[in-house]
Protein backbone atom coordinates (compact mmCIF):
# COMPACT_ATOMS: atom_id res chain seq x y z
CA MET A 1 109.26 127.27 60.54
CA THR A 2 108.64 126.05 64.10
CA ASP A 3 110.66 126.60 67.27
CA ARG A 4 110.85 122.87 67.82
CA VAL A 5 112.84 121.81 70.87
CA SER A 6 114.77 118.57 70.80
CA ALA A 7 117.64 116.89 72.55
CA PRO A 8 121.25 117.93 71.88
CA VAL A 9 122.63 117.57 68.38
CA GLY A 10 124.07 114.11 67.76
CA ALA A 11 121.36 112.18 69.61
CA PRO A 12 119.73 109.43 67.53
CA VAL A 13 116.41 110.12 65.86
CA ALA A 14 113.65 107.75 64.89
CA THR A 15 112.63 106.55 61.49
CA GLY A 16 109.74 104.43 60.31
CA SER A 17 106.55 104.29 62.37
CA LEU A 18 108.14 105.92 65.41
CA GLY A 19 109.30 108.84 63.29
CA TRP A 20 105.83 109.17 61.79
CA ILE A 21 104.25 109.29 65.25
CA ALA A 22 106.80 111.90 66.34
CA ASP A 23 106.04 114.01 63.27
CA MET A 24 102.32 113.84 64.01
CA LEU A 25 102.83 114.90 67.62
CA GLU A 26 105.14 117.65 66.43
CA ALA A 27 102.43 118.96 64.12
CA VAL A 28 99.85 118.89 66.93
CA LEU A 29 102.17 120.79 69.26
CA ASP A 30 103.02 123.32 66.57
CA TRP A 31 99.35 123.92 65.75
CA SER A 32 98.38 124.16 69.42
CA THR A 33 100.94 126.85 70.22
CA ARG A 34 100.70 129.19 67.25
CA SER A 35 99.30 131.77 69.66
CA SER A 36 98.95 131.98 73.41
CA ARG A 37 95.21 132.39 73.09
CA ARG A 38 94.97 129.11 71.19
CA ALA A 39 97.32 127.37 73.62
CA LEU A 40 95.26 128.47 76.62
CA ALA A 41 91.98 127.40 75.00
CA ILE A 42 93.36 123.96 74.17
CA LEU A 43 94.86 123.54 77.63
CA ALA A 44 91.53 124.42 79.26
CA LEU A 45 89.59 122.03 77.02
CA VAL A 46 92.03 119.13 77.27
CA THR A 47 92.48 119.43 81.04
CA THR A 48 88.72 119.47 81.58
CA ILE A 49 88.15 116.44 79.35
CA VAL A 50 90.98 114.48 80.97
CA LEU A 51 89.90 115.21 84.54
CA LEU A 52 86.13 115.05 84.12
CA PRO A 53 85.75 111.23 84.37
CA GLY A 54 84.69 110.32 87.89
CA ILE A 55 83.68 113.82 89.02
CA PHE A 56 80.00 112.83 89.09
CA THR A 57 80.30 109.04 89.30
CA ILE A 58 82.65 108.50 92.25
CA PRO A 59 80.60 108.56 95.50
CA ALA A 60 81.41 110.95 98.34
CA VAL A 61 84.85 110.10 99.72
CA ASP A 62 85.58 109.96 103.44
CA ARG A 63 86.92 111.75 105.29
CA ASP A 64 87.83 115.32 104.38
CA GLU A 65 85.71 115.60 101.25
CA THR A 66 82.47 114.65 102.97
CA ARG A 67 83.22 116.95 105.88
CA PHE A 68 83.58 119.92 103.52
CA ALA A 69 80.60 118.92 101.38
CA GLN A 70 78.29 118.23 104.30
CA ALA A 71 79.18 121.52 105.97
CA THR A 72 78.47 123.31 102.69
CA ARG A 73 75.16 121.50 102.27
CA GLN A 74 74.11 122.63 105.72
CA MET A 75 74.91 126.22 104.69
CA VAL A 76 72.70 125.82 101.62
CA GLU A 77 69.92 124.28 103.69
CA THR A 78 70.02 126.81 106.53
CA GLY A 79 71.00 129.92 104.59
CA ASP A 80 73.74 130.69 107.12
CA TYR A 81 76.82 131.51 105.04
CA ILE A 82 78.92 132.87 107.89
CA ASP A 83 79.13 130.07 110.45
CA ILE A 84 80.55 126.67 109.48
CA ARG A 85 78.96 123.62 111.07
CA LEU A 86 79.14 119.86 110.57
CA ARG A 87 75.95 118.32 111.89
CA ASP A 88 75.51 120.06 115.25
CA GLU A 89 79.20 120.78 115.83
CA PRO A 90 81.22 123.81 114.68
CA ARG A 91 83.82 123.11 111.99
CA TYR A 92 86.47 125.78 112.34
CA LYS A 93 89.50 124.15 110.72
CA LYS A 94 89.53 126.16 107.47
CA PRO A 95 88.20 129.57 106.41
CA ILE A 96 85.00 130.16 104.50
CA GLY A 97 86.21 130.45 100.90
CA ILE A 98 85.77 126.88 99.68
CA TYR A 99 82.34 126.59 101.31
CA TRP A 100 81.14 129.67 99.46
CA MET A 101 82.47 128.32 96.17
CA GLN A 102 80.85 124.93 96.66
CA ALA A 103 77.58 126.55 97.69
CA ALA A 104 77.69 128.75 94.57
CA SER A 105 78.25 125.64 92.42
CA VAL A 106 75.23 123.92 93.99
CA LYS A 107 73.07 127.03 93.64
CA ILE A 108 74.01 127.52 89.99
CA ALA A 109 73.22 123.88 89.27
CA GLY A 110 69.83 124.40 90.90
CA LEU A 111 69.16 127.46 88.74
CA LEU A 112 70.02 125.36 85.70
CA GLY A 113 67.31 122.89 86.63
CA VAL A 114 69.15 120.24 88.64
CA ALA A 115 66.59 119.58 91.38
CA ASP A 116 68.80 117.44 93.63
CA ALA A 117 72.06 119.36 93.17
CA LYS A 118 72.70 119.75 96.90
CA ASP A 119 72.56 115.97 97.32
CA ARG A 120 75.03 115.19 94.48
CA ILE A 121 78.70 115.23 95.42
CA GLY A 122 79.79 116.08 91.87
CA PHE A 123 78.56 119.65 92.14
CA TYR A 124 80.66 120.18 95.27
CA ARG A 125 83.71 119.05 93.25
CA ILE A 126 83.22 121.57 90.45
CA PRO A 127 85.28 124.31 92.21
CA SER A 128 88.16 121.84 92.56
CA LEU A 129 87.98 120.93 88.88
CA ILE A 130 87.90 124.60 87.90
CA GLY A 131 90.77 125.29 90.31
CA ILE A 132 93.01 122.72 88.62
CA VAL A 133 92.09 123.96 85.13
CA LEU A 134 92.99 127.51 86.20
CA ALA A 135 96.21 126.28 87.79
CA VAL A 136 97.20 124.66 84.47
CA LEU A 137 96.44 127.89 82.59
CA PHE A 138 98.38 129.97 85.11
CA THR A 139 101.30 127.55 84.78
CA TYR A 140 101.46 128.39 81.08
CA TRP A 141 101.17 132.11 81.82
CA THR A 142 103.80 131.97 84.55
CA ALA A 143 106.25 130.12 82.30
CA ARG A 144 105.96 132.45 79.31
CA PRO A 145 108.51 135.10 80.39
CA LEU A 146 111.11 132.34 80.63
CA MET A 147 110.52 130.27 77.50
CA ALA A 148 108.83 129.80 74.13
CA ARG A 149 105.13 129.02 73.84
CA ARG A 150 105.82 125.38 73.07
CA ALA A 151 107.84 124.81 76.23
CA ALA A 152 105.31 126.74 78.35
CA PHE A 153 102.59 124.52 76.89
CA LEU A 154 104.56 121.45 77.96
CA ALA A 155 104.99 122.88 81.47
CA ALA A 156 101.22 123.26 81.71
CA LEU A 157 100.69 119.69 80.47
CA MET A 158 103.13 118.39 83.07
CA THR A 159 101.25 120.21 85.82
CA GLY A 160 97.88 118.89 84.67
CA SER A 161 99.13 115.31 84.35
CA GLY A 162 100.44 115.02 87.93
CA ILE A 163 98.83 112.23 89.93
CA VAL A 164 98.19 114.27 93.06
CA VAL A 165 96.86 117.15 90.97
CA ALA A 166 94.29 114.82 89.41
CA VAL A 167 93.33 113.42 92.80
CA GLU A 168 92.67 116.90 94.18
CA ALA A 169 90.58 117.77 91.11
CA HIS A 170 88.25 114.93 92.13
CA LEU A 171 87.83 115.95 95.78
CA ALA A 172 85.61 118.69 97.19
CA LYS A 173 88.38 120.25 99.28
CA THR A 174 90.52 123.36 99.46
CA ASP A 175 93.76 122.38 97.77
CA ALA A 176 92.86 122.65 94.08
CA VAL A 177 91.47 126.17 94.46
CA GLN A 178 94.44 127.11 96.62
CA LEU A 179 96.78 125.94 93.83
CA ALA A 180 95.05 128.23 91.33
CA ALA A 181 95.39 131.19 93.68
CA ILE A 182 99.07 130.48 94.31
CA MET A 183 99.81 130.11 90.60
CA ALA A 184 98.16 133.46 89.84
CA MET A 185 100.27 135.08 92.56
CA MET A 186 103.53 133.47 91.50
CA GLY A 187 103.05 134.42 87.85
CA VAL A 188 102.84 138.07 88.86
CA LEU A 189 105.68 137.73 91.38
CA LEU A 190 107.97 136.27 88.70
CA ARG A 191 107.24 139.16 86.36
CA ALA A 192 107.96 141.63 89.14
CA TYR A 193 111.26 139.90 89.89
CA LEU A 194 112.34 139.80 86.23
CA GLY A 195 111.42 143.43 85.69
CA ARG A 196 114.05 146.07 85.26
CA GLY A 197 114.30 149.38 87.03
CA GLY A 198 111.66 150.66 89.40
CA ALA A 199 108.69 150.43 87.06
CA GLU A 200 105.53 149.09 88.66
CA ARG A 201 103.72 146.14 87.15
CA PRO A 202 100.53 146.87 85.17
CA ALA A 203 97.47 147.57 87.30
CA GLY A 204 95.78 144.36 86.13
CA GLU A 205 98.70 142.22 87.35
CA ILE A 206 98.82 144.02 90.69
CA ALA A 207 95.08 143.51 91.17
CA LEU A 208 95.44 139.84 90.21
CA PHE A 209 98.25 139.27 92.71
CA TRP A 210 96.54 140.76 95.74
CA THR A 211 93.10 139.38 94.87
CA ALA A 212 94.59 135.90 94.46
CA LEU A 213 96.33 136.28 97.83
CA ALA A 214 93.03 137.24 99.47
CA ILE A 215 91.26 134.27 97.85
CA GLY A 216 94.05 131.98 98.99
CA ILE A 217 93.72 133.23 102.56
CA LEU A 218 89.94 132.79 102.50
CA VAL A 219 90.36 129.26 101.16
CA LYS A 220 93.22 127.90 103.25
CA GLY A 221 94.62 130.57 105.52
CA PRO A 222 98.38 131.07 105.70
CA VAL A 223 99.71 128.62 103.09
CA PRO A 224 99.65 131.08 100.12
CA ILE A 225 101.30 133.67 102.34
CA MET A 226 104.05 131.19 103.23
CA VAL A 227 104.80 130.26 99.60
CA PHE A 228 104.94 133.90 98.48
CA ALA A 229 106.82 135.17 101.53
CA LEU A 230 109.50 132.48 101.53
CA THR A 231 110.13 132.95 97.82
CA ALA A 232 110.38 136.73 98.14
CA LEU A 233 112.55 136.51 101.25
CA VAL A 234 115.08 134.08 99.76
CA LEU A 235 115.37 136.07 96.53
CA SER A 236 115.79 139.35 98.41
CA VAL A 237 118.52 137.84 100.62
CA LEU A 238 120.35 136.24 97.69
CA ASP A 239 120.23 139.43 95.64
CA ARG A 240 120.69 141.72 98.66
CA ASP A 241 117.83 143.74 97.28
CA ALA A 242 114.15 143.79 98.24
CA GLY A 243 113.31 146.87 96.21
CA TRP A 244 111.77 144.81 93.41
CA LEU A 245 108.81 144.04 95.67
CA LYS A 246 107.76 147.70 95.44
CA ARG A 247 106.66 146.95 91.86
CA LEU A 248 103.69 145.14 93.41
CA ARG A 249 102.51 148.27 95.27
CA PRO A 250 102.28 146.46 98.64
CA GLY A 251 100.68 149.40 100.43
CA ILE A 252 97.52 149.55 98.37
CA GLY A 253 97.66 145.80 97.83
CA LEU A 254 97.52 144.96 101.53
CA VAL A 255 94.63 147.37 101.98
CA TRP A 256 92.77 145.52 99.24
CA VAL A 257 93.48 142.17 100.90
CA PHE A 258 92.10 143.47 104.20
CA ILE A 259 88.99 144.80 102.44
CA LEU A 260 88.34 141.34 100.98
CA VAL A 261 89.22 139.24 104.02
CA LEU A 262 88.31 141.24 107.13
CA PRO A 263 84.49 141.34 106.80
CA TRP A 264 84.13 137.58 107.13
CA LEU A 265 86.82 137.36 109.83
CA ILE A 266 84.90 139.90 111.89
CA ALA A 267 81.59 138.16 111.23
CA ILE A 268 82.89 134.71 112.21
CA ALA A 269 84.61 136.14 115.27
CA ILE A 270 81.24 137.46 116.42
CA ALA A 271 79.27 134.34 115.41
CA SER A 272 81.73 131.92 117.04
CA LYS A 273 82.64 134.17 119.98
CA GLY A 274 86.28 133.83 118.98
CA ALA A 275 86.19 130.03 118.81
CA PHE A 276 87.05 130.03 115.10
CA PHE A 277 90.53 131.44 115.74
CA THR A 278 91.12 129.13 118.70
CA GLU A 279 90.21 126.09 116.61
CA SER A 280 91.71 127.01 113.22
CA VAL A 281 94.92 128.61 114.44
CA GLY A 282 95.44 127.18 117.89
CA LYS A 283 94.44 123.57 117.20
CA ASP A 284 94.50 122.94 113.44
CA LEU A 285 97.45 125.04 112.24
CA LEU A 286 99.70 124.99 115.31
CA GLY A 287 98.68 121.40 116.05
CA LYS A 288 100.02 120.31 112.66
CA VAL A 289 103.25 122.14 113.32
CA ALA A 290 103.67 120.63 116.78
CA GLN A 291 102.79 117.00 116.00
CA GLY A 292 101.29 114.72 113.34
CA GLN A 293 97.51 115.04 113.38
CA GLU A 294 94.96 112.27 112.65
CA SER A 295 97.66 109.63 112.08
CA HIS A 296 99.29 111.79 109.39
CA GLY A 297 102.65 112.18 111.09
CA ALA A 298 105.81 111.29 109.14
CA PRO A 299 109.54 111.99 109.47
CA PRO A 300 111.50 114.40 107.25
CA GLY A 301 112.12 112.94 103.82
CA TYR A 302 108.52 111.77 103.40
CA TYR A 303 107.84 114.07 100.43
CA LEU A 304 111.07 113.08 98.74
CA LEU A 305 110.14 109.40 99.04
CA THR A 306 106.60 109.93 97.72
CA TYR A 307 107.58 112.42 95.02
CA ILE A 308 107.71 109.99 92.10
CA GLY A 309 104.23 108.73 92.89
CA THR A 310 102.67 112.14 93.47
CA PHE A 311 104.16 113.94 90.45
CA TRP A 312 104.37 111.12 87.92
CA PRO A 313 105.04 111.43 84.97
CA ALA A 314 106.94 114.74 85.14
CA ALA A 315 108.93 113.57 88.17
CA MET A 316 110.86 111.23 85.87
CA LEU A 317 112.70 114.25 84.45
CA THR A 318 114.03 115.48 87.81
CA ALA A 319 117.46 113.83 87.83
CA LEU A 320 117.90 114.60 84.13
CA ALA A 321 117.41 118.32 84.79
CA PHE A 322 120.09 118.55 87.51
CA PRO A 323 122.99 119.40 85.15
CA PHE A 324 120.96 122.18 83.56
CA ILE A 325 119.94 123.54 86.96
CA ARG A 326 123.56 123.61 88.11
CA ARG A 327 124.68 125.45 84.96
CA SER A 328 121.88 128.01 85.14
CA LEU A 329 122.02 128.92 88.83
CA GLY A 330 123.10 132.44 87.92
CA GLU A 331 120.00 133.08 85.82
CA ARG A 332 117.16 134.97 87.44
CA GLY A 333 114.49 132.60 86.15
CA THR A 334 116.14 129.51 87.59
CA ARG A 335 116.88 131.34 90.83
CA PHE A 336 113.22 132.31 91.15
CA LEU A 337 111.99 128.75 90.58
CA LEU A 338 114.44 127.29 93.10
CA ALA A 339 113.50 129.95 95.66
CA TRP A 340 109.89 128.92 95.11
CA ILE A 341 110.60 125.21 95.52
CA ILE A 342 113.35 124.65 98.08
CA PRO A 343 112.43 126.77 101.15
CA THR A 344 108.76 125.73 101.19
CA TRP A 345 109.72 122.09 100.58
CA LEU A 346 112.10 122.17 103.57
CA VAL A 347 109.45 123.73 105.80
CA MET A 348 106.93 121.07 104.79
CA GLU A 349 109.45 118.30 105.45
CA ALA A 350 110.08 119.77 108.91
CA VAL A 351 106.39 119.98 109.88
CA PRO A 352 105.33 116.68 111.52
CA THR A 353 101.89 116.48 109.87
CA LYS A 354 102.33 115.33 106.28
CA LEU A 355 99.95 114.45 103.45
CA PRO A 356 100.91 113.80 99.83
CA HIS A 357 99.12 116.87 98.47
CA TYR A 358 100.82 119.39 100.75
CA THR A 359 103.69 119.90 98.25
CA MET A 360 101.29 120.41 95.32
CA PRO A 361 101.92 124.22 95.21
CA LEU A 362 105.54 123.42 94.27
CA MET A 363 104.80 121.05 91.39
CA PRO A 364 104.07 123.72 88.76
CA ALA A 365 107.42 125.31 89.60
CA LEU A 366 109.11 121.95 89.01
CA ALA A 367 107.22 121.56 85.73
CA ILE A 368 108.35 125.01 84.60
CA LEU A 369 111.92 124.18 85.56
CA PHE A 370 111.82 120.97 83.50
CA ALA A 371 110.24 122.83 80.58
CA LEU A 372 112.99 125.44 80.78
CA ALA A 373 115.55 122.66 80.45
CA ILE A 374 113.63 121.31 77.44
CA ASP A 375 113.51 124.78 75.93
CA ARG A 376 117.31 124.99 76.19
CA ARG A 377 117.79 121.49 74.72
CA ALA A 378 119.50 120.57 77.98
CA LEU A 379 117.90 117.23 78.87
CA PRO A 380 120.17 114.25 78.11
CA THR A 381 118.45 111.42 76.27
CA GLN A 382 121.26 108.86 76.15
CA GLY A 383 122.91 106.82 78.89
CA TRP A 384 121.69 104.62 81.69
CA LEU A 385 120.08 107.41 83.76
CA PRO A 386 117.72 108.71 81.04
CA ARG A 387 116.81 105.12 80.16
CA LEU A 388 116.11 104.23 83.77
CA ALA A 389 114.14 107.39 84.55
CA THR A 390 111.92 107.41 81.48
CA SER A 391 111.35 103.65 81.57
CA LEU A 392 109.21 104.40 84.63
CA TRP A 393 106.71 106.06 82.31
CA ALA A 394 105.72 102.52 81.31
CA ILE A 395 106.77 100.46 84.34
CA LEU A 396 104.86 102.37 87.02
CA PRO A 397 101.52 102.33 85.12
CA ALA A 398 101.92 98.59 84.57
CA VAL A 399 102.59 97.98 88.26
CA PHE A 400 99.73 100.30 89.22
CA ALA A 401 97.26 98.64 86.84
CA VAL A 402 98.10 95.14 88.01
CA ALA A 403 97.90 96.14 91.69
CA VAL A 404 94.59 97.94 91.22
CA LEU A 405 92.97 95.15 89.22
CA ILE A 406 94.07 92.60 91.81
CA GLY A 407 92.68 94.87 94.52
CA VAL A 408 89.35 95.09 92.68
CA GLN A 409 89.22 91.32 92.40
CA LYS A 410 89.90 90.88 96.12
CA VAL A 411 87.46 93.55 97.29
CA GLU A 412 84.69 93.03 94.73
CA GLY A 413 85.24 89.39 93.87
CA THR A 414 85.19 90.07 90.15
CA VAL A 415 87.47 91.03 87.28
CA LEU A 416 86.83 94.51 85.94
CA TRP A 417 87.13 93.61 82.27
CA SER A 418 86.12 97.04 80.99
CA ALA A 419 89.18 98.64 82.60
CA ILE A 420 91.73 96.25 81.08
CA PRO A 421 91.85 97.83 77.57
CA VAL A 422 92.39 101.27 79.13
CA ALA A 423 95.12 99.85 81.36
CA VAL A 424 96.84 98.39 78.31
CA ALA A 425 96.53 101.74 76.50
CA MET A 426 98.15 103.63 79.37
CA VAL A 427 101.06 101.19 79.54
CA LEU A 428 101.55 101.38 75.76
CA ALA A 429 101.47 105.18 75.88
CA GLY A 430 104.10 105.14 78.62
CA ALA A 431 106.24 102.74 76.56
CA LEU A 432 105.87 104.99 73.52
CA ALA A 433 106.93 108.01 75.58
CA PHE A 434 110.03 106.08 76.66
CA ALA A 435 110.85 105.13 73.06
CA LEU A 436 110.39 108.69 71.81
CA PHE A 437 112.61 110.10 74.53
CA ARG A 438 115.38 107.63 73.70
CA ARG A 439 115.23 108.84 70.08
CA ALA A 440 115.60 112.45 71.21
CA TYR A 441 111.98 113.43 70.59
CA VAL A 442 111.79 115.13 73.98
CA GLU A 443 108.72 117.31 73.46
CA GLU A 444 106.83 114.47 71.83
CA ALA A 445 107.77 112.14 74.67
CA VAL A 446 106.37 114.59 77.23
CA MET A 447 103.15 114.87 75.24
CA THR A 448 102.85 111.10 75.08
CA ALA A 449 103.51 110.80 78.81
CA PHE A 450 100.56 113.19 79.24
CA LEU A 451 98.43 110.79 77.18
CA ALA A 452 99.52 107.96 79.48
CA SER A 453 98.30 110.04 82.42
CA ALA A 454 95.02 110.74 80.65
CA ALA A 455 94.51 106.99 80.21
CA LEU A 456 95.44 106.40 83.85
CA PHE A 457 92.86 108.94 85.00
CA LEU A 458 90.17 107.31 82.87
CA PHE A 459 91.23 103.89 84.15
CA PHE A 460 91.09 104.79 87.84
CA PHE A 461 88.65 107.68 88.22
CA GLY A 462 86.33 106.81 85.37
CA LEU A 463 86.19 103.01 85.63
CA VAL A 464 87.77 101.49 88.74
CA ALA A 465 86.70 103.80 91.57
CA PRO A 466 82.98 103.95 90.63
CA ALA A 467 82.91 100.16 90.20
CA MET A 468 84.25 99.32 93.67
CA LYS A 469 80.87 99.13 95.39
CA ASN A 470 82.13 97.54 98.60
CA ILE A 471 84.33 100.49 99.60
CA TRP A 472 81.50 103.02 99.43
CA VAL A 473 79.94 102.09 102.76
CA ALA A 474 77.35 104.85 102.94
CA GLU A 475 76.19 104.00 99.43
CA ARG A 476 75.71 100.37 100.49
CA PHE A 477 73.61 101.64 103.41
CA LYS A 478 71.61 103.74 100.96
CA ALA A 479 70.87 100.70 98.77
CA VAL A 480 69.46 98.85 101.78
CA ALA A 481 67.36 101.87 102.76
CA ALA A 482 66.01 102.08 99.21
CA SER A 483 64.75 98.51 99.50
CA LEU A 484 62.44 99.47 102.37
CA ASN A 485 58.87 100.46 101.68
CA CYS A 486 59.27 103.98 103.07
CA PRO A 487 60.49 107.11 101.26
CA ASP A 488 62.49 108.89 103.97
CA PRO A 489 63.66 106.55 106.75
CA ARG A 490 65.43 107.74 109.87
CA ILE A 491 68.99 106.42 109.69
CA ALA A 492 71.26 105.51 112.57
CA GLU A 493 74.59 103.69 112.64
CA THR A 494 77.31 102.63 115.03
CA GLY A 495 80.75 101.56 113.86
CA PHE A 496 81.09 103.84 110.83
CA PRO A 497 81.15 107.43 112.15
CA GLU A 498 81.97 109.08 108.82
CA SER A 499 80.44 112.21 107.34
CA SER A 500 79.42 110.34 104.18
CA VAL A 501 76.49 108.90 106.17
CA ALA A 502 75.19 112.40 106.85
CA PHE A 503 75.81 113.47 103.25
CA VAL A 504 74.23 110.43 101.61
CA PHE A 505 71.20 110.60 103.91
CA ASP A 506 70.72 113.84 105.79
CA THR A 507 71.94 115.82 108.76
CA ARG A 508 69.35 114.13 111.01
CA SER A 509 71.07 110.75 110.65
CA VAL A 510 72.60 109.45 113.87
CA SER A 511 76.18 108.24 114.24
CA GLY A 512 76.71 107.19 117.80
CA THR A 513 76.91 104.52 120.45
CA PRO A 514 74.77 101.35 120.41
CA ALA A 515 72.54 102.97 123.04
CA GLU A 516 72.04 106.09 120.90
CA VAL A 517 71.22 103.94 117.88
CA ALA A 518 68.70 101.94 119.91
CA ALA A 519 67.10 105.18 121.07
CA ALA A 520 66.80 106.32 117.44
CA LEU A 521 64.71 103.23 116.68
CA LYS A 522 62.47 103.57 119.71
CA PRO A 523 59.82 105.81 118.10
CA GLY A 524 59.20 103.02 115.58
CA GLY A 525 57.86 103.70 112.14
CA CYS A 526 60.16 104.21 109.16
CA ALA A 527 63.69 103.82 110.54
CA LEU A 528 66.82 101.80 109.86
CA ALA A 529 69.90 101.08 111.97
CA PHE A 530 73.27 99.71 110.87
CA VAL A 531 75.23 98.01 113.62
CA ASP A 532 78.85 96.90 113.30
CA ALA A 533 79.41 93.30 114.40
CA PRO A 534 81.58 94.15 117.48
CA GLN A 535 78.78 96.50 118.66
CA ASP A 536 75.95 94.06 118.09
CA ALA A 537 75.83 92.64 121.63
CA ALA A 538 75.77 96.12 123.16
CA PHE A 539 73.05 97.17 120.71
CA ARG A 540 70.87 94.17 121.60
CA ALA A 541 71.32 94.94 125.28
CA ALA A 542 70.29 98.54 124.62
CA ILE A 543 67.12 97.64 122.71
CA ALA A 544 66.19 95.18 125.45
CA LYS A 545 66.62 97.94 128.03
CA GLU A 546 64.57 100.35 125.91
CA ALA A 547 61.96 97.63 125.18
CA VAL A 548 62.35 98.19 121.44
CA ALA A 549 61.30 95.39 119.13
CA VAL A 550 63.45 95.16 116.00
CA ALA A 551 63.67 92.94 112.94
CA GLU A 552 66.81 92.09 111.06
CA VAL A 553 66.75 93.31 107.44
CA THR A 554 70.07 92.08 106.08
CA LYS A 555 73.78 91.78 106.71
CA LEU A 556 76.41 93.78 104.82
CA ARG A 557 80.10 92.99 104.47
CA VAL A 558 81.94 96.14 103.39
CA PHE A 559 85.53 97.35 103.18
CA ASN A 560 86.19 100.47 105.26
CA HIS A 561 88.91 102.17 103.21
CA THR A 562 89.50 104.81 105.88
CA LYS A 563 90.50 102.07 108.32
CA GLY A 564 91.77 99.55 105.78
CA ARG A 565 89.69 96.65 107.09
CA TRP A 566 86.54 94.66 106.45
CA GLN A 567 83.44 95.27 108.55
CA THR A 568 80.14 93.42 108.82
CA PHE A 569 77.02 95.42 109.57
CA THR A 570 73.57 94.14 110.46
CA ALA A 571 70.68 96.32 109.31
CA TYR A 572 67.72 96.51 111.73
CA ARG A 573 64.31 98.16 111.49
CA PRO A 574 61.58 98.60 114.10
CA ALA A 575 59.38 95.51 114.22
CA ASN A 576 56.18 97.49 114.74
């Protein structure tokens, strides 16, 4: 007999084909969760398969991804794994952790026989993919003390199906690995909080907690500390007891963190003459707190307004879970999850610099909270609110698919026919999830919503993004360079100062003023310059001053997605 979770008794159930589908999904869920080992293996496999499309086929994305990847590639090329540099400039915004992980991924690929691994963006994304897979597994593990295996499995599926989670899995950045570290920490912290008496946690859990904290610090600095500290502080104040934190053995734990973190901090302090701390703490961290950086400022309420889009499809359950949350406020599990979510959310809303992925460390806690409500049969399935909320499982994919396909047609001038069947499948899966939920098949509806997300990821990451040639500006430059009769041309550009140019070509490529681009062509030989139309007159004046003879190769009209506008570049080569 299974521990099937459904809506409250009295809710309508499905018959006919809908009932047959629900029974099939029920059997799959029951088989998948017969043991935690099986559940974890299936979660790892399914998450990898769902997120893999696009990892190796989407070109390097400006801006942050290419900055991280190019800095890592320079480490691999120079062998300097202490200092962090982007072209000739120091890059001291984030610690070393993600660069080491990306470099290890590239090195391992090389050992496996991939000759051009350091030039392929997919290998720099592997740590992010692994980070999300681990975060999904740790979501299951974190949820287990609070609920049955089936509900914990659903919590993990909800985490892995989040839109922003999938986006971060496809970018060579810090946030996916940070999420894995935070989830490992919070799973241990929850167990310490739920424990009784003064007994310490097992040595393996204690080692996991403090090692994950050290990794989190090395990857993204203070964010993991903030999530853990705010949760622990709020719980200790509410309970008027902080003694439970002793179960984590903080004395020996902090020593271990220092052992892991301090060597690199000392090394970078020496290598940068202290500039790393001035840049990363003084400018990057405190700058984000003081004002919105790089046009990413937004008022409080931004994350609430973007929540449905970032955490679809699980976000649709939020309003439905409110009655359960209110009734269970006295329970330690609910209190822990709310202490995890609310304080950090408020801090992030207060900080002027905002990006959609900043709240990602809170989304597994929300998924666990929703799964806890499912486990207690506490989600209403009837009435206007459940109908409205879960109808968005089908409506939002339909709107997204239409908008994206129209965007492809406008940018590429063609209809992406291959993506249409997948778009239809994702809308139908969302509609099926809605129908199942209305018939009180709550678990099965959540599983089907996950399938809708899987189709969405294939639609966008696997088909649409790789097909939009005009938005990958550096790749368009590369195609022109490949048409020249020279194997390794010098590349210079003005008007597109993005790191993807350096990554697609090499660190020697020039991004600068029209005069600097003209100077790059002066030696003659195998060289190529890309000049944005507004800079063309200045470039021609510069080559006249330098007495450089050039020949026009072609013109390119591309869409700069970082600026949201079309640009026209003229490609020039030395005439001699």
